Amino acid sequence: MKTIVFFVRPSTGKFSDETKNIPPSTCFRHIISTKERCVSVKTYHDSNCTNFLGLIECQDFKNEGQCATNTRMALKLCAKQCNMC
């Protein structure tokens, strides 16, 4: 669930009607909540499992912890080095 909270003043947007007698110093709080789709990265077994980047670059990628924290890129760039296949 992603939630965004923001504030607007009555002098902007849909509250700009002066006949509503809303003080300009007033702030209105708005909350928008949206559901986000869960993304699963599947480990696949492929006989052509390779690293798109070179060995040194993929070792650096793995040593920086990117295999665990950036799984989408790991799967594309360094699948073999990150043990994803």
Protein backbone atom coordinates (compact mmCIF):
# COMPACT_ATOMS: atom_id res chain seq x y z
CA MET A 1 0.00 0.00 0.00
CA LYS A 2 1.42 3.36 -1.01
CA THR A 3 0.11 6.47 0.74
CA ILE A 4 0.71 10.07 -0.29
CA VAL A 5 -0.24 12.93 2.01
CA PHE A 6 -0.22 16.50 0.72
CA PHE A 7 -1.67 19.88 1.65
CA VAL A 8 -3.26 22.60 -0.48
CA ARG A 9 -4.33 26.14 0.24
CA PRO A 10 -7.84 27.33 -0.66
CA SER A 11 -6.44 29.94 -3.05
CA THR A 12 -5.43 27.18 -5.50
CA GLY A 13 -7.18 24.38 -7.29
CA LYS A 14 -10.82 23.55 -6.71
CA PHE A 15 -10.96 25.63 -3.49
CA SER A 16 -10.27 28.96 -5.22
CA ASP A 17 -13.95 30.06 -5.06
CA GLU A 18 -13.96 33.18 -2.86
CA THR A 19 -17.69 32.82 -2.11
CA LYS A 20 -16.94 29.87 0.18
CA ASN A 21 -15.47 32.29 2.74
CA ILE A 22 -12.48 30.07 3.53
CA PRO A 23 -9.52 31.93 5.06
CA PRO A 24 -6.47 31.87 2.77
CA SER A 25 -4.28 30.64 5.63
CA THR A 26 -6.27 27.39 5.85
CA CYS A 27 -4.66 24.19 4.60
CA PHE A 28 -6.58 21.14 3.44
CA ARG A 29 -5.01 17.74 3.96
CA HIS A 30 -5.47 15.17 1.20
CA ILE A 31 -4.57 11.52 1.46
CA ILE A 32 -4.25 9.26 -1.55
CA SER A 33 -3.77 5.54 -0.97
CA THR A 34 -3.17 3.06 -3.73
CA LYS A 35 -2.50 -0.64 -3.78
CA GLU A 36 0.69 -1.71 -5.47
CA ARG A 37 1.17 -4.96 -7.27
CA CYS A 38 3.68 -7.33 -5.70
CA VAL A 39 6.51 -8.16 -8.02
CA SER A 40 8.20 -11.50 -7.68
CA VAL A 41 11.46 -12.23 -9.37
CA LYS A 42 11.58 -15.89 -10.26
CA THR A 43 14.78 -17.82 -10.25
CA TYR A 44 15.08 -19.64 -13.50
CA HIS A 45 17.33 -22.44 -14.64
CA ASP A 46 18.78 -21.87 -18.05
CA SER A 47 21.63 -23.67 -19.71
CA ASN A 48 22.61 -20.33 -21.26
CA CYS A 49 22.88 -18.58 -17.89
CA THR A 50 25.43 -15.81 -18.29
CA ASN A 51 26.47 -12.44 -17.00
CA PHE A 52 25.63 -9.56 -19.33
CA LEU A 53 28.38 -7.52 -17.69
CA GLY A 54 31.95 -8.70 -17.36
CA LEU A 55 33.19 -10.85 -14.49
CA ILE A 56 34.84 -7.97 -12.58
CA GLU A 57 31.77 -5.73 -12.94
CA CYS A 58 29.48 -8.51 -11.72
CA GLN A 59 31.78 -9.29 -8.79
CA ASP A 60 31.62 -5.61 -7.81
CA PHE A 61 27.83 -5.68 -8.27
CA LYS A 62 27.60 -8.69 -5.94
CA ASN A 63 30.08 -7.31 -3.37
CA GLU A 64 28.04 -4.09 -3.15
CA GLY A 65 24.99 -6.17 -2.16
CA GLN A 66 23.13 -5.37 -5.36
CA CYS A 67 22.21 -9.02 -5.97
CA ALA A 68 19.91 -8.94 -2.94
CA THR A 69 18.71 -5.34 -3.03
CA ASN A 70 18.35 -4.84 -6.78
CA THR A 71 17.11 -8.24 -7.96
CA ARG A 72 15.60 -7.04 -11.24
CA MET A 73 18.90 -5.61 -12.43
CA ALA A 74 20.80 -8.58 -11.02
CA LEU A 75 18.69 -10.94 -13.10
CA LYS A 76 19.35 -8.92 -16.24
CA LEU A 77 23.00 -8.01 -15.74
CA CYS A 78 24.68 -10.59 -13.50
CA ALA A 79 22.39 -13.60 -13.22
CA LYS A 80 25.21 -16.16 -13.06
CA GLN A 81 27.36 -14.24 -10.57
CA CYS A 82 24.32 -13.60 -8.33
CA ASN A 83 23.39 -17.33 -8.39
CA MET A 84 19.99 -16.61 -9.93
CA CYS A 85 20.10 -19.50 -12.40
